[in-house]
Structures are given as structure tokens and as C-alpha cells.
Amino acid sequence: MAGNKAKLTTESADTIEIDILSPTLGQDVIDVRALGSKGFYTYDPGFTSTASCESKITYIDGDEGVLLHRGFPIDQLATEASYLEVCYILLYGEAPTEEEYKNFKFTVTRHTMIHEQITRMLNGFRRDSHPMAVLCGVTGALAAFYHDALDVNNPRHREITAYRLLSKMPTVAAMCYKYSIGQPFVYPRNDLSYAGNFLHMMFSTPCEEYVVNPVLERAMDRILILHADHEQNASTSTVRTAGSSGANPFACIAAGIASLWGPAHGGANEACLRMLEEIQSVEHIPEFINRAKDKNDAFRLMGFGHRVYKNHDPRATVMRETCHEVLNELGLNDSLLEVAMELERIALNDPYFIEKKLYPNVDFYSGIILKAMGIPSTMFTVIFAIARTIGWIAHWNEMHDDGLKIARPRQLYTGYAKREFNTNLSKK
């Protein structure tokens, strides 16, 4: 993997040779690990130019709009695979055979129930708690209920916990929603698909059975696929950092959920819907478009452009098609959805948006789909967390396979130098 050498020359004329590592895909990486022993650290706020790990799971080329999971393009996975197939690929590295997939699906499906005491634990939260707050707390608490397989150095224990998290996360998430609206919990059903089961637990009630619409079921499955993993993003890096200390997997995933909650990360689709509510109607769109173009105005269009993708978000292409399928199926007449569709039309045709490459991203379309399904905005990031759980697990597991090294970032200290502490308080 190491090839060429880079040379760093300091003011004292010392020259340090540094290895240059060549990846399978992407940019070469300068290996700076030895700089500490030479008396230097690197400075990279946000780690935007730093590879924090070596990984074989996901590759992103933001300039070309490419997203690969284990080498498989995201558009092919989203249109030709199910979410559980993608989960298998992320976890094990290869597409499953028919028999492997059958066994994998069987195991996941039959572990969706959660310990009954967990349902009683939910009663300790306020009724108006944000579902993400509840999800974060309950996920961390799972370690108290499933503590028979928490040896992170045991590959079998890690696999058991991976299945438990993947199986139970939709159940916990649906219970967070039911609790927030004061409805009784709905238990999982083994005869439904992963996405269909989640929709059933969300919308079924004891007095009225919920019949899963196949169009909405497939849309939910695609939302899960398109959010399953996204390389070394903030929440995944958080999971890896927490896991580097040897922390139990439930605690690590809870840490990832906390990171995901931020509006700059998983909360983007919720923020997008709030923006649509602020615009209110199609008549107000020109005013907000002008504000978005004004550099001196703090207003920003949420759901357009992407920090990583400088061309287009490959997930958005599939999500756009799915979005229109859902809207056509439901035939909704909703003012906010009208605003969203008009914003999409403008963004795809306005020279300003085209030049700046501010195309609608996956958060824009997923927010519209979830709203059309009748899912409140407070649940948007919860659903993101369900999807991303498998990505977090895969990275956490890979980190343990490669050998633990606790994360310990350095800093550029700019505070006071050493000084004396003098006070008269103790003399009073």
C-alpha cells in the first residue's frame, strides 16, 4: 500500500520522509503517524483532510457523485436490492447467496421483539420528549437488558449484538413514536418485511388494522437503503471514537444517535420541512429564492447542495423518482408539498442553482416522502437512525477486526502559558 515518499522540510532544515499510501480508489494519503515522534502534529479542524482510519466498507467520490457500498453502486442497490440485502453486504462484505439471505432475514425477523421491561422504562420519559431523546436513552439502556454478549473482543458476541441492534431498532423507534402520541405500543409481526413491519408498528392501532401499501413499503425500504452508510461522517466517526475505548456496542450506537441528531447531520430533513413551513405557500417562493441568493441574508435553503457531493447526490436521483411515485400514489393536495415541488422545479432550471450545483439532495426528497406518509418531522431523524444503524455496526465491527487503538486527537493550544495563581479569597 505504501509507495512514494513525501518530504517535509522544517525551518531548521531538517527533512522528514513520510510514506504516501495508495488506496483502491480515491486520493493518495500522506501517513503522518510518525510526525509525533519528530516533534510535530498536524492541524486539521473538522478532519476534512485527514483519513482517521482504513476501511473497506464505503467509498464516496464527491466530485463525480459516486457512492459505493463494498464496491456496489448505490443506485443499483436502491433499485435492485432490499434493505436487508444491503445490510448483509455492509456487514459481511459480499452479496448473500439465496440460502445466506434466507437465514439472515429469518434471524433478523425473529429478534425484533424487545424485553417487556423496556416498554415500562419508556414511561419514565415526559410525554412531550423528542423521539430522538428517547431513542438515544433507550438504545444506551439496551446494554442493561442484553448483557450476555458484550465482550467486544469476541467475534461471535459482536455478531449477536449486531443482529440484536438491527432487529430491535425499528421496534424501539416505533415505540418512541407511539409513546409521543399517547397510543398503545404495537408489537412486531414476523410475516411482514423489515420496512413493512416498521410502518405497521407506526400506524396500526388495536381498533384498526393497518394495511401496508406496497408503494409506501418500497419507498421506506429505499429510504433505509439510501441512508444505510455514508463513509466517515460525523456520527460514524463518533461511533468509532466511542468504540475505540472498548465501550459496549449499545453505548457506541447511542453515541452515534446523539451525533446524528444535529441539524447539520441527520436533522437536515427535519430542518428542510421547517423551511417549507416558513415559506408557507408557492406565492412566497420568489421572496425566499431572492433571500437565498443574497450573501448578506442569513436565510439558507435547506435540502439543496451537499458538503461532500460537489456535482450531484447520487442518492437524490433515486429518491426523486421514489418521491414522485409516493405523491402520485397518495394523490395528496398539500400546500407544503406544492411548495417543495415548485422549489425542486426552480432548482433544476434556475441558472444560479445550476451554476452553484445546488441540486435537491436526499434530505429534501426523503423529508417530502415521510411527510406524505403522515410521519411527523420529529420522527425523520429517528428513521435516519434506523437506517444508519447497520452502517455504524459495520464500521464498529471492522474497527475491532483491525485491532483497537484508542482515539486521542491532538490540539493546537492557544491559551495562556504557565502563570502563577494569586488570590486573596482564602484570606477573607
Protein backbone atom coordinates (compact mmCIF):
# COMPACT_ATOMS: atom_id res chain seq x y z
CA MET A 1 0.00 0.00 0.00
CA ALA A 2 2.93 2.34 0.71
CA GLY A 3 4.57 3.68 -2.42
CA ASN A 4 6.12 7.08 -2.92
CA LYS A 5 7.58 9.24 -0.20
CA ALA A 6 6.72 12.81 0.76
CA LYS A 7 9.33 15.10 2.30
CA LEU A 8 8.64 17.71 4.97
CA THR A 9 11.35 20.32 5.39
CA THR A 10 11.29 22.45 8.55
CA GLU A 11 12.83 25.85 9.27
CA SER A 12 15.75 24.13 10.94
CA ALA A 13 16.43 22.47 7.58
CA ASP A 14 15.55 19.05 8.94
CA THR A 15 13.90 16.85 6.35
CA ILE A 16 11.38 14.21 7.38
CA GLU A 17 10.42 11.45 4.97
CA ILE A 18 6.75 10.43 5.11
CA ASP A 19 5.10 7.43 3.43
CA ILE A 20 2.39 8.05 0.83
CA LEU A 21 -0.33 5.39 0.92
CA SER A 22 -2.30 4.50 -2.21
CA PRO A 23 -5.96 3.45 -1.77
CA THR A 24 -8.00 1.22 -4.07
CA LEU A 25 -10.00 4.32 -5.09
CA GLY A 26 -9.59 7.99 -4.26
CA GLN A 27 -6.78 10.31 -3.32
CA ASP A 28 -3.38 9.26 -2.04
CA VAL A 29 -2.93 9.60 1.72
CA ILE A 30 0.14 11.01 3.47
CA ASP A 31 0.87 8.86 6.52
CA VAL A 32 1.64 11.36 9.29
CA ARG A 33 1.64 8.88 12.17
CA ALA A 34 5.39 9.23 12.71
CA LEU A 35 5.35 13.03 12.95
CA GLY A 36 4.62 12.98 16.69
CA SER A 37 7.94 11.28 17.37
CA LYS A 38 9.61 14.03 15.32
CA GLY A 39 8.08 16.79 17.45
CA PHE A 40 5.19 17.78 15.15
CA TYR A 41 1.42 17.36 14.95
CA THR A 42 -0.84 18.17 12.02
CA TYR A 43 -3.66 20.73 12.29
CA ASP A 44 -6.92 19.88 10.54
CA PRO A 45 -10.11 21.22 12.21
CA GLY A 46 -13.05 19.00 11.37
CA PHE A 47 -10.66 16.38 9.96
CA THR A 48 -11.65 17.42 6.43
CA SER A 49 -8.23 16.46 5.04
CA THR A 50 -7.42 13.61 7.42
CA ALA A 51 -8.08 9.89 7.00
CA SER A 52 -8.93 8.73 10.52
CA CYS A 53 -8.97 5.05 9.63
CA GLU A 54 -8.56 2.44 6.93
CA SER A 55 -11.87 0.97 5.74
CA LYS A 56 -13.23 -1.43 3.12
CA ILE A 57 -16.92 -0.59 3.57
CA THR A 58 -17.97 2.56 1.69
CA TYR A 59 -16.34 4.82 -0.90
CA ILE A 60 -17.50 8.31 -1.90
CA ASP A 61 -16.27 10.46 -4.79
CA GLY A 62 -17.98 13.77 -4.15
CA ASP A 63 -16.73 15.40 -7.36
CA GLU A 64 -18.15 12.66 -9.57
CA GLY A 65 -21.24 11.91 -7.49
CA VAL A 66 -20.25 8.31 -6.73
CA LEU A 67 -21.29 6.24 -3.70
CA LEU A 68 -20.23 2.59 -3.45
CA HIS A 69 -21.04 0.09 -0.70
CA ARG A 70 -18.46 -2.73 -0.80
CA GLY A 71 -17.96 -1.74 -4.46
CA PHE A 72 -21.66 -1.85 -5.40
CA PRO A 73 -23.13 1.45 -6.77
CA ILE A 74 -25.85 2.91 -4.59
CA ASP A 75 -28.31 3.36 -7.46
CA GLN A 76 -28.14 -0.37 -8.26
CA LEU A 77 -28.60 -1.35 -4.63
CA ALA A 78 -31.53 1.04 -4.17
CA THR A 79 -33.39 -0.26 -7.24
CA GLU A 80 -32.40 -3.94 -7.30
CA ALA A 81 -31.83 -4.94 -3.66
CA SER A 82 -33.78 -4.87 -0.41
CA TYR A 83 -32.58 -3.08 2.69
CA LEU A 84 -31.73 -6.37 4.42
CA GLU A 85 -29.63 -7.42 1.41
CA VAL A 86 -27.72 -4.16 1.73
CA CYS A 87 -27.33 -4.83 5.46
CA TYR A 88 -25.78 -8.21 4.71
CA ILE A 89 -23.42 -6.65 2.17
CA LEU A 90 -22.29 -3.93 4.58
CA LEU A 91 -21.82 -6.40 7.43
CA TYR A 92 -20.15 -9.29 5.60
CA GLY A 93 -18.62 -7.64 2.52
CA GLU A 94 -20.28 -9.75 -0.17
CA ALA A 95 -23.76 -10.13 -1.64
CA PRO A 96 -25.54 -13.07 0.02
CA THR A 97 -26.44 -16.30 -1.70
CA GLU A 98 -30.11 -17.26 -1.67
CA GLU A 99 -29.57 -19.51 1.34
CA GLU A 100 -27.45 -16.95 3.21
CA TYR A 101 -30.07 -14.27 2.69
CA LYS A 102 -32.87 -16.59 3.80
CA ASN A 103 -31.05 -17.36 7.06
CA PHE A 104 -30.08 -13.73 7.61
CA LYS A 105 -33.63 -12.50 7.09
CA PHE A 106 -35.02 -15.26 9.32
CA THR A 107 -32.69 -14.32 12.19
CA VAL A 108 -33.34 -10.59 11.92
CA THR A 109 -37.11 -11.06 11.70
CA ARG A 110 -37.29 -13.29 14.75
CA HIS A 111 -35.37 -11.00 17.05
CA THR A 112 -37.49 -7.87 16.61
CA MET A 113 -39.22 -8.22 19.99
CA ILE A 114 -37.72 -6.29 22.89
CA HIS A 115 -37.68 -7.10 26.60
CA GLU A 116 -41.04 -6.14 28.11
CA GLN A 117 -39.37 -4.15 30.87
CA ILE A 118 -38.09 -1.73 28.22
CA THR A 119 -41.68 -0.77 27.39
CA ARG A 120 -42.19 0.14 31.04
CA MET A 121 -38.96 2.10 31.08
CA LEU A 122 -40.40 4.37 28.38
CA ASN A 123 -42.93 5.64 30.91
CA GLY A 124 -40.11 7.45 32.68
CA PHE A 125 -39.85 9.95 29.83
CA ARG A 126 -42.02 13.04 29.53
CA ARG A 127 -44.85 12.66 27.05
CA ASP A 128 -43.58 15.63 25.04
CA SER A 129 -40.00 14.36 24.82
CA HIS A 130 -38.43 14.48 21.36
CA PRO A 131 -38.38 10.92 19.97
CA MET A 132 -34.64 11.22 19.32
CA ALA A 133 -34.03 11.90 23.01
CA VAL A 134 -35.99 8.78 23.91
CA LEU A 135 -34.30 6.68 21.21
CA CYS A 136 -30.86 7.76 22.39
CA GLY A 137 -31.64 6.92 26.01
CA VAL A 138 -33.33 3.57 25.33
CA THR A 139 -30.61 2.41 22.92
CA GLY A 140 -27.92 3.03 25.52
CA ALA A 141 -30.02 1.21 28.11
CA LEU A 142 -30.24 -1.94 25.96
CA ALA A 143 -26.84 -2.93 27.36
CA ALA A 144 -28.60 -3.46 30.71
CA PHE A 145 -31.00 -5.97 29.13
CA TYR A 146 -28.76 -7.79 26.65
CA HIS A 147 -25.52 -8.05 28.60
CA ASP A 148 -24.79 -11.69 27.75
CA ALA A 149 -22.87 -10.80 24.57
CA LEU A 150 -20.92 -7.63 25.33
CA ASP A 151 -17.36 -8.96 25.01
CA VAL A 152 -16.13 -6.73 22.18
CA ASN A 153 -13.10 -9.00 21.70
CA ASN A 154 -15.33 -11.97 20.89
CA PRO A 155 -16.37 -12.02 17.18
CA ARG A 156 -19.44 -14.13 17.97
CA HIS A 157 -20.59 -11.68 20.64
CA ARG A 158 -20.17 -8.82 18.17
CA GLU A 159 -22.26 -10.67 15.59
CA ILE A 160 -25.04 -11.43 18.10
CA THR A 161 -25.18 -7.78 19.16
CA ALA A 162 -25.19 -6.66 15.53
CA TYR A 163 -28.28 -8.78 14.88
CA ARG A 164 -29.96 -7.52 18.03
CA LEU A 165 -29.43 -3.87 17.13
CA LEU A 166 -30.53 -4.34 13.52
CA SER A 167 -33.62 -6.31 14.58
CA LYS A 168 -34.78 -4.22 17.51
CA MET A 169 -34.09 -0.66 16.36
CA PRO A 170 -37.34 -0.34 14.30
CA THR A 171 -39.33 -1.70 17.27
CA VAL A 172 -37.79 0.78 19.70
CA ALA A 173 -38.20 3.63 17.19
CA ALA A 174 -41.90 2.86 16.60
CA MET A 175 -42.47 2.69 20.36
CA CYS A 176 -40.84 6.11 20.74
CA TYR A 177 -43.41 7.44 18.27
CA LYS A 178 -46.39 5.68 19.85
CA TYR A 179 -45.38 6.93 23.27
CA SER A 180 -45.11 10.51 21.99
CA ILE A 181 -48.70 10.49 20.70
CA GLY A 182 -50.18 8.52 23.62
CA GLN A 183 -51.11 5.39 21.67
CA PRO A 184 -50.50 1.80 22.81
CA PHE A 185 -47.40 0.04 21.55
CA VAL A 186 -47.77 -2.25 18.55
CA TYR A 187 -45.65 -5.40 18.58
CA PRO A 188 -43.70 -6.57 15.52
CA ARG A 189 -45.05 -9.10 13.05
CA ASN A 190 -42.85 -11.80 11.53
CA ASP A 191 -44.92 -12.08 8.35
CA LEU A 192 -44.03 -8.56 7.18
CA SER A 193 -40.91 -7.19 5.54
CA TYR A 194 -38.44 -5.07 7.51
CA ALA A 195 -39.90 -1.81 6.10
CA GLY A 196 -43.49 -3.07 6.15
CA ASN A 197 -43.18 -4.17 9.76
CA PHE A 198 -41.93 -0.73 10.79
CA LEU A 199 -44.83 1.02 9.03
CA HIS A 200 -47.26 -1.41 10.69
CA MET A 201 -45.84 -0.71 14.16
CA MET A 202 -46.06 3.03 13.45
CA PHE A 203 -49.62 3.23 12.18
CA SER A 204 -51.58 0.20 13.35
CA THR A 205 -53.90 0.55 16.36
CA PRO A 206 -55.88 -2.05 18.37
CA CYS A 207 -59.15 -0.81 16.87
CA GLU A 208 -57.98 -0.51 13.27
CA GLU A 209 -55.55 -2.79 11.45
CA TYR A 210 -53.05 -1.01 9.20
CA VAL A 211 -52.72 -2.49 5.71
CA VAL A 212 -49.25 -1.80 4.33
CA ASN A 213 -49.34 -0.03 0.97
CA PRO A 214 -46.70 -1.69 -1.27
CA VAL A 215 -45.69 1.65 -2.83
CA LEU A 216 -45.07 3.17 0.60
CA GLU A 217 -43.36 -0.01 1.76
CA ARG A 218 -40.90 0.13 -1.12
CA ALA A 219 -40.37 3.85 -0.56
CA MET A 220 -39.50 3.23 3.08
CA ASP A 221 -37.17 0.41 2.07
CA ARG A 222 -35.37 2.76 -0.32
CA ILE A 223 -35.09 5.47 2.32
CA LEU A 224 -33.42 2.91 4.57
CA ILE A 225 -31.06 1.77 1.80
CA LEU A 226 -30.07 5.30 0.81
CA HIS A 227 -29.23 6.22 4.42
CA ALA A 228 -27.56 2.94 5.41
CA ASP A 229 -23.98 4.21 5.34
CA HIS A 230 -22.04 7.24 4.19
CA GLU A 231 -18.38 6.61 4.96
CA GLN A 232 -16.65 8.54 7.80
CA ASN A 233 -19.36 11.10 8.56
CA ALA A 234 -19.82 12.75 11.97
CA SER A 235 -21.97 10.04 13.55
CA THR A 236 -19.92 7.14 12.17
CA SER A 237 -16.73 8.80 13.38
CA THR A 238 -18.43 9.23 16.77
CA VAL A 239 -19.25 5.51 16.91
CA ARG A 240 -15.66 4.64 16.01
CA THR A 241 -14.29 7.07 18.60
CA ALA A 242 -16.55 5.70 21.34
CA GLY A 243 -15.77 2.14 20.27
CA SER A 244 -12.02 2.77 20.32
CA SER A 245 -12.14 2.78 24.12
CA GLY A 246 -13.69 -0.70 24.14
CA ALA A 247 -17.13 0.63 25.08
CA ASN A 248 -20.08 -1.74 24.63
CA PRO A 249 -21.83 -1.59 21.24
CA PHE A 250 -25.15 -0.26 22.57
CA ALA A 251 -23.35 2.70 24.14
CA CYS A 252 -21.45 3.30 20.89
CA ILE A 253 -24.64 3.31 18.80
CA ALA A 254 -26.32 5.63 21.32
CA ALA A 255 -23.36 7.99 20.86
CA GLY A 256 -23.89 7.81 17.10
CA ILE A 257 -27.58 8.65 17.54
CA ALA A 258 -26.65 11.70 19.64
CA SER A 259 -24.31 12.91 16.90
CA LEU A 260 -26.87 12.21 14.18
CA TRP A 261 -29.43 14.39 15.97
CA GLY A 262 -27.65 17.60 14.96
CA PRO A 263 -29.36 19.73 12.26
CA ALA A 264 -26.17 19.77 10.18
CA HIS A 265 -26.25 15.96 10.02
CA GLY A 266 -29.30 13.71 10.40
CA GLY A 267 -31.58 16.57 11.35
CA ALA A 268 -31.28 18.12 7.88
CA ASN A 269 -34.53 16.66 6.53
CA GLU A 270 -36.40 17.87 9.63
CA ALA A 271 -34.85 21.33 9.10
CA CYS A 272 -35.93 21.15 5.45
CA LEU A 273 -39.56 20.67 6.43
CA ARG A 274 -39.34 23.59 8.87
CA MET A 275 -38.08 25.69 5.97
CA LEU A 276 -41.09 24.67 3.85
CA GLU A 277 -43.34 25.66 6.74
CA GLU A 278 -41.61 29.03 6.91
CA ILE A 279 -42.17 29.62 3.17
CA GLN A 280 -45.84 28.57 3.63
CA SER A 281 -47.07 28.87 0.05
CA VAL A 282 -45.94 28.88 -3.57
CA GLU A 283 -46.61 32.65 -3.77
CA HIS A 284 -43.85 33.30 -1.23
CA ILE A 285 -41.19 31.27 -3.03
CA PRO A 286 -39.70 34.14 -5.14
CA GLU A 287 -39.05 36.13 -1.95
CA PHE A 288 -37.16 33.25 -0.36
CA ILE A 289 -35.26 32.44 -3.55
CA ASN A 290 -34.03 36.03 -3.64
CA ARG A 291 -33.04 35.81 0.01
CA ALA A 292 -31.13 32.57 -0.66
CA LYS A 293 -29.16 34.35 -3.40
CA ASP A 294 -28.35 37.31 -1.14
CA LYS A 295 -25.00 36.74 0.57
CA ASN A 296 -25.93 39.23 3.28
CA ASP A 297 -29.11 37.37 4.23
CA ALA A 298 -28.80 34.61 6.86
CA PHE A 299 -31.55 32.55 5.21
CA ARG A 300 -30.40 29.30 3.58
CA LEU A 301 -32.35 26.84 1.51
CA MET A 302 -32.21 23.52 3.38
CA GLY A 303 -32.06 20.32 1.34
CA PHE A 304 -30.06 21.78 -1.54
CA GLY A 305 -26.42 21.02 -2.26
CA HIS A 306 -24.22 18.78 -0.15
CA ARG A 307 -20.96 19.19 1.74
CA VAL A 308 -19.47 16.06 0.16
CA TYR A 309 -21.12 15.95 -3.26
CA LYS A 310 -19.93 18.83 -5.43
CA ASN A 311 -21.72 17.56 -8.52
CA HIS A 312 -24.92 15.74 -7.57
CA ASP A 313 -26.02 13.49 -4.75
CA PRO A 314 -26.37 10.00 -6.33
CA ARG A 315 -28.92 9.07 -3.67
CA ALA A 316 -31.14 12.00 -4.65
CA THR A 317 -31.66 10.65 -8.18
CA VAL A 318 -33.32 7.50 -6.85
CA MET A 319 -35.08 9.39 -4.06
CA ARG A 320 -36.58 11.87 -6.53
CA GLU A 321 -38.17 9.06 -8.53
CA THR A 322 -39.47 7.46 -5.35
CA CYS A 323 -40.82 10.79 -4.12
CA HIS A 324 -42.95 11.27 -7.22
CA GLU A 325 -44.17 7.65 -7.05
CA VAL A 326 -45.39 8.24 -3.49
CA LEU A 327 -47.06 11.55 -4.29
CA ASN A 328 -48.81 10.03 -7.32
CA GLU A 329 -49.96 7.05 -5.26
CA LEU A 330 -51.40 9.17 -2.46
CA GLY A 331 -52.75 11.98 -4.64
CA LEU A 332 -52.29 14.48 -1.86
CA ASN A 333 -53.31 18.13 -2.05
CA ASP A 334 -50.94 19.70 0.46
CA SER A 335 -49.62 23.27 0.34
CA LEU A 336 -46.19 22.33 1.73
CA LEU A 337 -45.78 19.56 -0.83
CA GLU A 338 -46.72 22.07 -3.53
CA VAL A 339 -44.01 24.39 -2.21
CA ALA A 340 -41.49 21.53 -2.27
CA MET A 341 -42.28 20.57 -5.85
CA GLU A 342 -42.04 24.18 -7.04
CA LEU A 343 -38.70 24.60 -5.26
CA GLU A 344 -37.50 21.45 -6.99
CA ARG A 345 -38.56 22.81 -10.39
CA ILE A 346 -36.76 26.08 -9.79
CA ALA A 347 -33.58 24.44 -8.52
CA LEU A 348 -33.37 22.20 -11.58
CA ASN A 349 -33.86 25.10 -14.02
CA ASP A 350 -32.59 28.32 -12.42
CA PRO A 351 -29.09 29.26 -13.75
CA TYR A 352 -27.99 30.35 -10.25
CA PHE A 353 -28.71 26.90 -8.75
CA ILE A 354 -27.26 25.10 -11.75
CA GLU A 355 -24.05 27.15 -11.67
CA LYS A 356 -23.65 26.67 -7.91
CA LYS A 357 -24.66 22.99 -8.26
CA LEU A 358 -27.30 23.44 -5.58
CA TYR A 359 -29.37 20.45 -6.59
CA PRO A 360 -32.01 18.95 -4.29
CA ASN A 361 -30.30 16.35 -2.11
CA VAL A 362 -31.51 13.15 -0.45
CA ASP A 363 -32.72 15.04 2.65
CA PHE A 364 -35.02 17.22 0.54
CA TYR A 365 -36.79 14.27 -1.06
CA SER A 366 -36.86 11.99 1.98
CA GLY A 367 -38.47 14.75 4.04
CA ILE A 368 -41.22 15.15 1.44
CA ILE A 369 -41.83 11.40 1.29
CA LEU A 370 -42.03 11.00 5.06
CA LYS A 371 -44.42 13.94 5.38
CA ALA A 372 -46.62 12.50 2.62
CA MET A 373 -46.73 9.20 4.53
CA GLY A 374 -48.08 11.02 7.58
CA ILE A 375 -44.88 10.75 9.62
CA PRO A 376 -44.22 13.84 11.79
CA SER A 377 -40.97 15.74 11.34
CA THR A 378 -39.80 14.78 14.85
CA MET A 379 -39.52 11.18 13.59
CA PHE A 380 -37.46 11.98 10.49
CA THR A 381 -34.08 11.67 12.21
CA VAL A 382 -35.28 8.61 14.13
CA ILE A 383 -35.90 6.86 10.81
CA PHE A 384 -32.45 8.00 9.65
CA ALA A 385 -31.05 6.34 12.79
CA ILE A 386 -32.82 3.06 11.98
CA ALA A 387 -31.25 3.07 8.53
CA ARG A 388 -27.77 4.11 9.66
CA THR A 389 -27.58 1.53 12.46
CA ILE A 390 -26.20 -1.11 10.08
CA GLY A 391 -23.52 1.29 8.84
CA TRP A 392 -22.49 2.09 12.40
CA ILE A 393 -22.38 -1.60 13.26
CA ALA A 394 -20.31 -2.46 10.19
CA HIS A 395 -17.74 0.24 10.96
CA TRP A 396 -17.67 -0.65 14.66
CA ASN A 397 -17.12 -4.31 13.80
CA GLU A 398 -14.44 -3.51 11.21
CA MET A 399 -12.60 -1.39 13.76
CA HIS A 400 -12.45 -4.34 16.16
CA ASP A 401 -11.35 -6.71 13.41
CA ASP A 402 -8.46 -4.36 12.58
CA GLY A 403 -7.36 -4.03 16.20
CA LEU A 404 -8.27 -1.28 18.67
CA LYS A 405 -6.27 1.90 19.03
CA ILE A 406 -7.96 4.42 21.28
CA ALA A 407 -8.72 7.73 19.59
CA ARG A 408 -6.68 10.60 21.02
CA PRO A 409 -6.71 13.70 18.79
CA ARG A 410 -4.12 16.39 19.47
CA GLN A 411 -4.69 20.14 19.59
CA LEU A 412 -3.16 23.48 18.70
CA TYR A 413 -3.06 25.13 22.13
CA THR A 414 -3.52 28.92 22.03
CA GLY A 415 -4.40 29.61 25.68
CA TYR A 416 -2.29 31.14 28.44
CA ALA A 417 1.25 29.98 29.05
CA LYS A 418 2.09 28.90 32.61
CA ARG A 419 1.31 31.64 35.16
CA GLU A 420 1.11 31.99 38.92
CA PHE A 421 -2.21 31.78 40.78
CA ASN A 422 -2.59 34.57 43.34
CA THR A 423 -5.81 35.22 45.24
CA ASN A 424 -6.96 37.00 48.34
CA LEU A 425 -10.18 34.96 48.60
CA SER A 426 -8.69 32.48 51.05
CA LYS A 427 -7.64 35.32 53.34
CA LYS A 428 -11.13 36.79 53.68
